[in-house]
Full PDB file with SEQRES, HELIX, SHEET, SSBOND, CRYST1, ORIGX, SCALE, CONECT and MASTER records, all heavy atoms in Angstrom:
SEQRES   1 A   36  ASN ARG TYR ALA THR LYS LYS THR ILE ALA GLN GLY MET          
SEQRES   2 A   36  LEU ASP ILE ALA LEU LEU THR ALA ASN ALA SER GLN LEU          
SEQRES   3 A   36  LYS TYR ILE LEU GLN VAL GLY GLU GLN HIS                      
HELIX    1 AA1 ARG A    2  VAL A   32  1                                  31    
HELIX    2 AA2 GLY A   33  GLN A   35  5                                   3    
CRYST1    1.000    1.000    1.000  90.00  90.00  90.00 P 1           1          
ORIGX1      1.000000  0.000000  0.000000        0.00000                         
ORIGX2      0.000000  1.000000  0.000000        0.00000                         
ORIGX3      0.000000  0.000000  1.000000        0.00000                         
SCALE1      1.000000  0.000000  0.000000        0.00000                         
SCALE2      0.000000  1.000000  0.000000        0.00000                         
SCALE3      0.000000  0.000000  1.000000        0.00000                         
ATOM      1  N   ASN A   1      77.924  74.959  52.186  1.00  0.00           N  
ATOM      2  CA  ASN A   1      77.504  76.135  52.945  1.00  0.00           C  
ATOM      3  C   ASN A   1      76.066  75.961  53.430  1.00  0.00           C  
ATOM      4  O   ASN A   1      75.739  76.283  54.574  1.00  0.00           O  
ATOM      5  CB  ASN A   1      77.624  77.395  52.092  1.00  0.00           C  
ATOM      6  CG  ASN A   1      77.590  78.656  52.912  1.00  0.00           C  
ATOM      7  OD1 ASN A   1      78.204  78.720  53.970  1.00  0.00           O  
ATOM      8  ND2 ASN A   1      76.861  79.639  52.424  1.00  0.00           N  
ATOM      9  N   ARG A   2      75.231  75.410  52.578  1.00  0.00           N  
ATOM     10  CA  ARG A   2      73.825  75.173  52.935  1.00  0.00           C  
ATOM     11  C   ARG A   2      73.732  74.141  54.060  1.00  0.00           C  
ATOM     12  O   ARG A   2      72.948  74.298  54.990  1.00  0.00           O  
ATOM     13  CB  ARG A   2      73.075  74.697  51.698  1.00  0.00           C  
ATOM     14  CG  ARG A   2      71.601  74.677  51.850  1.00  0.00           C  
ATOM     15  CD  ARG A   2      70.954  74.398  50.522  1.00  0.00           C  
ATOM     16  NE  ARG A   2      69.523  74.564  50.648  1.00  0.00           N  
ATOM     17  CZ  ARG A   2      68.670  74.167  49.768  1.00  0.00           C  
ATOM     18  NH1 ARG A   2      69.089  73.578  48.654  1.00  0.00           N  
ATOM     19  NH2 ARG A   2      67.387  74.335  49.955  1.00  0.00           N  
ATOM     20  N   TYR A   3      74.537  73.095  53.960  1.00  0.00           N  
ATOM     21  CA  TYR A   3      74.572  72.069  55.008  1.00  0.00           C  
ATOM     22  C   TYR A   3      74.992  72.675  56.343  1.00  0.00           C  
ATOM     23  O   TYR A   3      74.370  72.417  57.382  1.00  0.00           O  
ATOM     24  CB  TYR A   3      75.541  70.943  54.627  1.00  0.00           C  
ATOM     25  CG  TYR A   3      75.853  70.029  55.778  1.00  0.00           C  
ATOM     26  CD1 TYR A   3      74.953  69.051  56.171  1.00  0.00           C  
ATOM     27  CD2 TYR A   3      77.035  70.162  56.498  1.00  0.00           C  
ATOM     28  CE1 TYR A   3      75.221  68.222  57.245  1.00  0.00           C  
ATOM     29  CE2 TYR A   3      77.315  69.346  57.573  1.00  0.00           C  
ATOM     30  CZ  TYR A   3      76.405  68.364  57.936  1.00  0.00           C  
ATOM     31  OH  TYR A   3      76.679  67.561  59.003  1.00  0.00           O  
ATOM     32  N   ALA A   4      76.020  73.486  56.322  1.00  0.00           N  
ATOM     33  CA  ALA A   4      76.506  74.106  57.551  1.00  0.00           C  
ATOM     34  C   ALA A   4      75.436  75.018  58.162  1.00  0.00           C  
ATOM     35  O   ALA A   4      75.245  75.038  59.379  1.00  0.00           O  
ATOM     36  CB  ALA A   4      77.782  74.897  57.276  1.00  0.00           C  
ATOM     37  N   THR A   5      74.720  75.739  57.312  1.00  0.00           N  
ATOM     38  CA  THR A   5      73.661  76.615  57.802  1.00  0.00           C  
ATOM     39  C   THR A   5      72.539  75.801  58.428  1.00  0.00           C  
ATOM     40  O   THR A   5      72.055  76.125  59.519  1.00  0.00           O  
ATOM     41  CB  THR A   5      73.105  77.479  56.649  1.00  0.00           C  
ATOM     42  OG1 THR A   5      74.186  78.233  56.097  1.00  0.00           O  
ATOM     43  CG2 THR A   5      72.015  78.413  57.131  1.00  0.00           C  
ATOM     44  N   LYS A   6      72.128  74.721  57.760  1.00  0.00           N  
ATOM     45  CA  LYS A   6      71.062  73.868  58.309  1.00  0.00           C  
ATOM     46  C   LYS A   6      71.503  73.212  59.614  1.00  0.00           C  
ATOM     47  O   LYS A   6      70.718  73.087  60.550  1.00  0.00           O  
ATOM     48  CB  LYS A   6      70.658  72.800  57.293  1.00  0.00           C  
ATOM     49  CG  LYS A   6      69.839  73.349  56.157  1.00  0.00           C  
ATOM     50  CD  LYS A   6      69.411  72.239  55.227  1.00  0.00           C  
ATOM     51  CE  LYS A   6      68.540  72.774  54.105  1.00  0.00           C  
ATOM     52  NZ  LYS A   6      68.049  71.699  53.246  1.00  0.00           N  
ATOM     53  N   LYS A   7      72.753  72.801  59.671  1.00  0.00           N  
ATOM     54  CA  LYS A   7      73.288  72.193  60.888  1.00  0.00           C  
ATOM     55  C   LYS A   7      73.264  73.189  62.036  1.00  0.00           C  
ATOM     56  O   LYS A   7      72.882  72.864  63.160  1.00  0.00           O  
ATOM     57  CB  LYS A   7      74.713  71.708  60.637  1.00  0.00           C  
ATOM     58  CG  LYS A   7      75.380  71.073  61.831  1.00  0.00           C  
ATOM     59  CD  LYS A   7      76.808  70.679  61.493  1.00  0.00           C  
ATOM     60  CE  LYS A   7      77.546  70.389  62.780  1.00  0.00           C  
ATOM     61  NZ  LYS A   7      78.951  70.639  62.696  1.00  0.00           N  
ATOM     62  N   THR A   8      73.650  74.407  61.763  1.00  0.00           N  
ATOM     63  CA  THR A   8      73.644  75.451  62.785  1.00  0.00           C  
ATOM     64  C   THR A   8      72.222  75.721  63.268  1.00  0.00           C  
ATOM     65  O   THR A   8      71.979  75.875  64.470  1.00  0.00           O  
ATOM     66  CB  THR A   8      74.281  76.739  62.240  1.00  0.00           C  
ATOM     67  OG1 THR A   8      75.619  76.447  61.844  1.00  0.00           O  
ATOM     68  CG2 THR A   8      74.279  77.849  63.273  1.00  0.00           C  
ATOM     69  N   ILE A   9      71.269  75.759  62.366  1.00  0.00           N  
ATOM     70  CA  ILE A   9      69.875  75.980  62.739  1.00  0.00           C  
ATOM     71  C   ILE A   9      69.364  74.825  63.598  1.00  0.00           C  
ATOM     72  O   ILE A   9      68.703  75.044  64.622  1.00  0.00           O  
ATOM     73  CB  ILE A   9      69.000  76.172  61.480  1.00  0.00           C  
ATOM     74  CG1 ILE A   9      69.339  77.508  60.815  1.00  0.00           C  
ATOM     75  CG2 ILE A   9      67.511  76.117  61.831  1.00  0.00           C  
ATOM     76  CD1 ILE A   9      68.725  77.686  59.445  1.00  0.00           C  
ATOM     77  N   ALA A  10      69.684  73.596  63.220  1.00  0.00           N  
ATOM     78  CA  ALA A  10      69.257  72.427  64.000  1.00  0.00           C  
ATOM     79  C   ALA A  10      69.865  72.455  65.405  1.00  0.00           C  
ATOM     80  O   ALA A  10      69.174  72.174  66.398  1.00  0.00           O  
ATOM     81  CB  ALA A  10      69.650  71.139  63.275  1.00  0.00           C  
ATOM     82  N   GLN A  11      71.132  72.811  65.502  1.00  0.00           N  
ATOM     83  CA  GLN A  11      71.771  72.906  66.807  1.00  0.00           C  
ATOM     84  C   GLN A  11      71.127  74.008  67.634  1.00  0.00           C  
ATOM     85  O   GLN A  11      70.950  73.860  68.846  1.00  0.00           O  
ATOM     86  CB  GLN A  11      73.268  73.179  66.648  1.00  0.00           C  
ATOM     87  CG  GLN A  11      74.049  71.980  66.174  1.00  0.00           C  
ATOM     88  CD  GLN A  11      75.503  72.309  65.882  1.00  0.00           C  
ATOM     89  OE1 GLN A  11      75.838  73.426  65.533  1.00  0.00           O  
ATOM     90  NE2 GLN A  11      76.361  71.318  66.014  1.00  0.00           N  
ATOM     91  N   GLY A  12      70.751  75.085  66.983  1.00  0.00           N  
ATOM     92  CA  GLY A  12      70.077  76.178  67.677  1.00  0.00           C  
ATOM     93  C   GLY A  12      68.732  75.740  68.232  1.00  0.00           C  
ATOM     94  O   GLY A  12      68.350  76.122  69.348  1.00  0.00           O  
ATOM     95  N   MET A  13      68.008  74.938  67.477  1.00  0.00           N  
ATOM     96  CA  MET A  13      66.722  74.429  67.952  1.00  0.00           C  
ATOM     97  C   MET A  13      66.899  73.515  69.158  1.00  0.00           C  
ATOM     98  O   MET A  13      66.107  73.562  70.109  1.00  0.00           O  
ATOM     99  CB  MET A  13      65.993  73.701  66.831  1.00  0.00           C  
ATOM    100  CG  MET A  13      65.447  74.605  65.771  1.00  0.00           C  
ATOM    101  SD  MET A  13      64.547  73.635  64.561  1.00  0.00           S  
ATOM    102  CE  MET A  13      64.568  74.731  63.182  1.00  0.00           C  
ATOM    103  N   LEU A  14      67.913  72.676  69.133  1.00  0.00           N  
ATOM    104  CA  LEU A  14      68.194  71.824  70.284  1.00  0.00           C  
ATOM    105  C   LEU A  14      68.580  72.665  71.492  1.00  0.00           C  
ATOM    106  O   LEU A  14      68.195  72.352  72.632  1.00  0.00           O  
ATOM    107  CB  LEU A  14      69.304  70.822  69.953  1.00  0.00           C  
ATOM    108  CG  LEU A  14      68.931  69.720  68.972  1.00  0.00           C  
ATOM    109  CD1 LEU A  14      70.155  68.904  68.590  1.00  0.00           C  
ATOM    110  CD2 LEU A  14      67.862  68.824  69.554  1.00  0.00           C  
ATOM    111  N   ASP A  15      69.318  73.733  71.251  1.00  0.00           N  
ATOM    112  CA  ASP A  15      69.698  74.634  72.333  1.00  0.00           C  
ATOM    113  C   ASP A  15      68.461  75.284  72.940  1.00  0.00           C  
ATOM    114  O   ASP A  15      68.365  75.422  74.161  1.00  0.00           O  
ATOM    115  CB  ASP A  15      70.669  75.697  71.812  1.00  0.00           C  
ATOM    116  CG  ASP A  15      71.327  76.478  72.929  1.00  0.00           C  
ATOM    117  OD1 ASP A  15      71.715  75.860  73.937  1.00  0.00           O  
ATOM    118  OD2 ASP A  15      71.459  77.694  72.785  1.00  0.00           O  
ATOM    119  N   ILE A  16      67.501  75.649  72.116  1.00  0.00           N  
ATOM    120  CA  ILE A  16      66.257  76.241  72.613  1.00  0.00           C  
ATOM    121  C   ILE A  16      65.482  75.236  73.455  1.00  0.00           C  
ATOM    122  O   ILE A  16      64.920  75.589  74.495  1.00  0.00           O  
ATOM    123  CB  ILE A  16      65.401  76.782  71.441  1.00  0.00           C  
ATOM    124  CG1 ILE A  16      66.070  78.013  70.846  1.00  0.00           C  
ATOM    125  CG2 ILE A  16      63.982  77.103  71.888  1.00  0.00           C  
ATOM    126  CD1 ILE A  16      65.453  78.510  69.570  1.00  0.00           C  
ATOM    127  N   ALA A  17      65.469  73.967  73.037  1.00  0.00           N  
ATOM    128  CA  ALA A  17      64.780  72.937  73.814  1.00  0.00           C  
ATOM    129  C   ALA A  17      65.419  72.774  75.193  1.00  0.00           C  
ATOM    130  O   ALA A  17      64.717  72.681  76.217  1.00  0.00           O  
ATOM    131  CB  ALA A  17      64.800  71.610  73.064  1.00  0.00           C  
ATOM    132  N   LEU A  18      66.733  72.752  75.248  1.00  0.00           N  
ATOM    133  CA  LEU A  18      67.427  72.626  76.530  1.00  0.00           C  
ATOM    134  C   LEU A  18      67.234  73.882  77.374  1.00  0.00           C  
ATOM    135  O   LEU A  18      67.045  73.794  78.588  1.00  0.00           O  
ATOM    136  CB  LEU A  18      68.921  72.358  76.317  1.00  0.00           C  
ATOM    137  CG  LEU A  18      69.750  72.132  77.575  1.00  0.00           C  
ATOM    138  CD1 LEU A  18      69.214  70.948  78.371  1.00  0.00           C  
ATOM    139  CD2 LEU A  18      71.200  71.901  77.208  1.00  0.00           C  
ATOM    140  N   LEU A  19      67.236  75.034  76.742  1.00  0.00           N  
ATOM    141  CA  LEU A  19      67.003  76.290  77.452  1.00  0.00           C  
ATOM    142  C   LEU A  19      65.609  76.294  78.087  1.00  0.00           C  
ATOM    143  O   LEU A  19      65.441  76.707  79.233  1.00  0.00           O  
ATOM    144  CB  LEU A  19      67.163  77.474  76.495  1.00  0.00           C  
ATOM    145  CG  LEU A  19      67.052  78.870  77.081  1.00  0.00           C  
ATOM    146  CD1 LEU A  19      68.147  79.106  78.111  1.00  0.00           C  
ATOM    147  CD2 LEU A  19      67.141  79.904  75.974  1.00  0.00           C  
ATOM    148  N   THR A  20      64.625  75.784  77.360  1.00  0.00           N  
ATOM    149  CA  THR A  20      63.264  75.687  77.882  1.00  0.00           C  
ATOM    150  C   THR A  20      63.212  74.754  79.086  1.00  0.00           C  
ATOM    151  O   THR A  20      62.573  75.062  80.094  1.00  0.00           O  
ATOM    152  CB  THR A  20      62.306  75.195  76.781  1.00  0.00           C  
ATOM    153  OG1 THR A  20      62.378  76.096  75.671  1.00  0.00           O  
ATOM    154  CG2 THR A  20      60.879  75.118  77.269  1.00  0.00           C  
ATOM    155  N   ALA A  21      63.895  73.617  78.992  1.00  0.00           N  
ATOM    156  CA  ALA A  21      63.933  72.674  80.112  1.00  0.00           C  
ATOM    157  C   ALA A  21      64.606  73.310  81.332  1.00  0.00           C  
ATOM    158  O   ALA A  21      64.114  73.164  82.461  1.00  0.00           O  
ATOM    159  CB  ALA A  21      64.667  71.401  79.703  1.00  0.00           C  
ATOM    160  N   ASN A  22      65.698  74.026  81.111  1.00  0.00           N  
ATOM    161  CA  ASN A  22      66.379  74.685  82.225  1.00  0.00           C  
ATOM    162  C   ASN A  22      65.522  75.786  82.833  1.00  0.00           C  
ATOM    163  O   ASN A  22      65.530  75.981  84.061  1.00  0.00           O  
ATOM    164  CB  ASN A  22      67.725  75.247  81.800  1.00  0.00           C  
ATOM    165  CG  ASN A  22      68.811  74.197  81.718  1.00  0.00           C  
ATOM    166  OD1 ASN A  22      69.757  74.348  80.967  1.00  0.00           O  
ATOM    167  ND2 ASN A  22      68.716  73.127  82.491  1.00  0.00           N  
ATOM    168  N   ALA A  23      64.787  76.502  82.014  1.00  0.00           N  
ATOM    169  CA  ALA A  23      63.898  77.548  82.536  1.00  0.00           C  
ATOM    170  C   ALA A  23      62.814  76.923  83.412  1.00  0.00           C  
ATOM    171  O   ALA A  23      62.477  77.464  84.475  1.00  0.00           O  
ATOM    172  CB  ALA A  23      63.271  78.335  81.387  1.00  0.00           C  
ATOM    173  N   SER A  24      62.306  75.782  83.004  1.00  0.00           N  
ATOM    174  CA  SER A  24      61.314  75.065  83.801  1.00  0.00           C  
ATOM    175  C   SER A  24      61.917  74.597  85.127  1.00  0.00           C  
ATOM    176  O   SER A  24      61.289  74.710  86.191  1.00  0.00           O  
ATOM    177  CB  SER A  24      60.777  73.873  83.007  1.00  0.00           C  
ATOM    178  OG  SER A  24      59.886  73.126  83.776  1.00  0.00           O  
ATOM    179  N   GLN A  25      63.131  74.088  85.079  1.00  0.00           N  
ATOM    180  CA  GLN A  25      63.819  73.657  86.297  1.00  0.00           C  
ATOM    181  C   GLN A  25      64.072  74.842  87.226  1.00  0.00           C  
ATOM    182  O   GLN A  25      63.923  74.731  88.442  1.00  0.00           O  
ATOM    183  CB  GLN A  25      65.143  72.978  85.953  1.00  0.00           C  
ATOM    184  CG  GLN A  25      64.982  71.650  85.255  1.00  0.00           C  
ATOM    185  CD  GLN A  25      66.297  71.138  84.683  1.00  0.00           C  
ATOM    186  OE1 GLN A  25      67.192  71.910  84.356  1.00  0.00           O  
ATOM    187  NE2 GLN A  25      66.397  69.828  84.553  1.00  0.00           N  
ATOM    188  N   LEU A  26      64.442  75.977  86.646  1.00  0.00           N  
ATOM    189  CA  LEU A  26      64.687  77.174  87.445  1.00  0.00           C  
ATOM    190  C   LEU A  26      63.397  77.643  88.120  1.00  0.00           C  
ATOM    191  O   LEU A  26      63.399  78.009  89.302  1.00  0.00           O  
ATOM    192  CB  LEU A  26      65.268  78.285  86.564  1.00  0.00           C  
ATOM    193  CG  LEU A  26      65.641  79.584  87.268  1.00  0.00           C  
ATOM    194  CD1 LEU A  26      66.722  79.345  88.318  1.00  0.00           C  
ATOM    195  CD2 LEU A  26      66.111  80.609  86.243  1.00  0.00           C  
ATOM    196  N   LYS A  27      62.305  77.603  87.382  1.00  0.00           N  
ATOM    197  CA  LYS A  27      61.003  77.978  87.945  1.00  0.00           C  
ATOM    198  C   LYS A  27      60.671  77.079  89.137  1.00  0.00           C  
ATOM    199  O   LYS A  27      60.253  77.558  90.190  1.00  0.00           O  
ATOM    200  CB  LYS A  27      59.920  77.870  86.877  1.00  0.00           C  
ATOM    201  CG  LYS A  27      58.525  78.169  87.388  1.00  0.00           C  
ATOM    202  CD  LYS A  27      57.496  77.936  86.309  1.00  0.00           C  
ATOM    203  CE  LYS A  27      56.096  78.048  86.884  1.00  0.00           C  
ATOM    204  NZ  LYS A  27      55.079  77.650  85.920  1.00  0.00           N  
ATOM    205  N   TYR A  28      60.858  75.786  88.951  1.00  0.00           N  
ATOM    206  CA  TYR A  28      60.572  74.833  90.033  1.00  0.00           C  
ATOM    207  C   TYR A  28      61.437  75.113  91.259  1.00  0.00           C  
ATOM    208  O   TYR A  28      60.935  75.187  92.378  1.00  0.00           O  
ATOM    209  CB  TYR A  28      60.802  73.401  89.543  1.00  0.00           C  
ATOM    210  CG  TYR A  28      60.822  72.398  90.672  1.00  0.00           C  
ATOM    211  CD1 TYR A  28      59.643  72.004  91.276  1.00  0.00           C  
ATOM    212  CD2 TYR A  28      62.017  71.871  91.143  1.00  0.00           C  
ATOM    213  CE1 TYR A  28      59.654  71.095  92.328  1.00  0.00           C  
ATOM    214  CE2 TYR A  28      62.045  70.971  92.183  1.00  0.00           C  
ATOM    215  CZ  TYR A  28      60.853  70.578  92.768  1.00  0.00           C  
ATOM    216  OH  TYR A  28      60.869  69.696  93.813  1.00  0.00           O  
ATOM    217  N   ILE A  29      62.716  75.283  91.049  1.00  0.00           N  
ATOM    218  CA  ILE A  29      63.636  75.465  92.186  1.00  0.00           C  
ATOM    219  C   ILE A  29      63.325  76.773  92.912  1.00  0.00           C  
ATOM    220  O   ILE A  29      63.436  76.860  94.139  1.00  0.00           O  
ATOM    221  CB  ILE A  29      65.110  75.361  91.744  1.00  0.00           C  
ATOM    222  CG1 ILE A  29      65.990  74.824  92.873  1.00  0.00           C  
ATOM    223  CG2 ILE A  29      65.689  76.656  91.310  1.00  0.00           C  
ATOM    224  CD1 ILE A  29      65.826  73.393  93.146  1.00  0.00           C  
ATOM    225  N   LEU A  30      62.909  77.791  92.172  1.00  0.00           N  
ATOM    226  CA  LEU A  30      62.552  79.063  92.806  1.00  0.00           C  
ATOM    227  C   LEU A  30      61.224  78.956  93.564  1.00  0.00           C  
ATOM    228  O   LEU A  30      61.050  79.596  94.602  1.00  0.00           O  
ATOM    229  CB  LEU A  30      62.490  80.183  91.767  1.00  0.00           C  
ATOM    230  CG  LEU A  30      63.839  80.600  91.183  1.00  0.00           C  
ATOM    231  CD1 LEU A  30      63.645  81.599  90.048  1.00  0.00           C  
ATOM    232  CD2 LEU A  30      64.769  81.149  92.253  1.00  0.00           C  
ATOM    233  N   GLN A  31      60.297  78.140  93.050  1.00  0.00           N  
ATOM    234  CA  GLN A  31      59.033  77.942  93.750  1.00  0.00           C  
ATOM    235  C   GLN A  31      59.229  77.178  95.051  1.00  0.00           C  
ATOM    236  O   GLN A  31      58.636  77.514  96.065  1.00  0.00           O  
ATOM    237  CB  GLN A  31      58.035  77.186  92.861  1.00  0.00           C  
ATOM    238  CG  GLN A  31      57.419  78.041  91.787  1.00  0.00           C  
ATOM    239  CD  GLN A  31      56.487  77.257  90.889  1.00  0.00           C  
ATOM    240  OE1 GLN A  31      56.666  76.062  90.674  1.00  0.00           O  
ATOM    241  NE2 GLN A  31      55.492  77.937  90.339  1.00  0.00           N  
ATOM    242  N   VAL A  32      60.051  76.161  95.017  1.00  0.00           N  
ATOM    243  CA  VAL A  32      60.300  75.357  96.209  1.00  0.00           C  
ATOM    244  C   VAL A  32      61.151  76.143  97.198  1.00  0.00           C  
ATOM    245  O   VAL A  32      60.959  76.081  98.407  1.00  0.00           O  
ATOM    246  CB  VAL A  32      60.971  74.012  95.837  1.00  0.00           C  
ATOM    247  CG1 VAL A  32      61.411  73.255  97.071  1.00  0.00           C  
ATOM    248  CG2 VAL A  32      60.022  73.175  95.002  1.00  0.00           C  
ATOM    249  N   GLY A  33      62.091  76.904  96.686  1.00  0.00           N  
ATOM    250  CA  GLY A  33      62.932  77.739  97.533  1.00  0.00           C  
ATOM    251  C   GLY A  33      63.949  76.932  98.310  1.00  0.00           C  
ATOM    252  O   GLY A  33      64.359  75.837  97.901  1.00  0.00           O  
ATOM    253  N   GLU A  34      64.325  77.449  99.443  1.00  0.00           N  
ATOM    254  CA  GLU A  34      65.393  76.840 100.234  1.00  0.00           C  
ATOM    255  C   GLU A  34      64.972  75.538 100.900  1.00  0.00           C  
ATOM    256  O   GLU A  34      65.797  74.891 101.548  1.00  0.00           O  
ATOM    257  CB  GLU A  34      65.923  77.846 101.252  1.00  0.00           C  
ATOM    258  CG  GLU A  34      66.626  78.996 100.558  1.00  0.00           C  
ATOM    259  CD  GLU A  34      67.478  79.829 101.489  1.00  0.00           C  
ATOM    260  OE1 GLU A  34      67.869  79.342 102.566  1.00  0.00           O  
ATOM    261  OE2 GLU A  34      67.762  80.969 101.112  1.00  0.00           O  
ATOM    262  N   GLN A  35      63.715  75.158 100.745  1.00  0.00           N  
ATOM    263  CA  GLN A  35      63.280  73.855 101.255  1.00  0.00           C  
ATOM    264  C   GLN A  35      63.883  72.721 100.435  1.00  0.00           C  
ATOM    265  O   GLN A  35      63.947  71.594 100.907  1.00  0.00           O  
ATOM    266  CB  GLN A  35      61.758  73.756 101.246  1.00  0.00           C  
ATOM    267  CG  GLN A  35      61.112  74.687 102.256  1.00  0.00           C  
ATOM    268  CD  GLN A  35      59.600  74.641 102.189  1.00  0.00           C  
ATOM    269  OE1 GLN A  35      59.038  74.190 101.206  1.00  0.00           O  
ATOM    270  NE2 GLN A  35      58.953  75.109 103.229  1.00  0.00           N  
ATOM    271  N   HIS A  36      64.279  73.027  99.207  1.00  0.00           N  
ATOM    272  CA  HIS A  36      64.938  72.002  98.395  1.00  0.00           C  
ATOM    273  C   HIS A  36      66.305  71.721  99.007  1.00  0.00           C  
ATOM    274  O   HIS A  36      67.031  72.638  99.394  1.00  0.00           O  
ATOM    275  CB  HIS A  36      65.085  72.479  96.948  1.00  0.00           C  
ATOM    276  CG  HIS A  36      65.506  71.400  96.002  1.00  0.00           C  
ATOM    277  ND1 HIS A  36      66.811  70.990  95.893  1.00  0.00           N  
ATOM    278  CD2 HIS A  36      64.789  70.646  95.140  1.00  0.00           C  
ATOM    279  CE1 HIS A  36      66.885  70.025  94.990  1.00  0.00           C  
ATOM    280  NE2 HIS A  36      65.668  69.798  94.513  1.00  0.00           N  
TER     281      HIS A  36                                                      
MASTER        0    0    0    2    0    0    0    6  280    1    0    3          
END                                                                             
């Protein structure tokens, strides 16, 4: 049970890292606008 909980937390952290990268990409695409 402890292993499963730690695994879930680790996966959540990776999800946050990818979410941060996507938010940065979204910011960029919105700044550039339709010129992209």
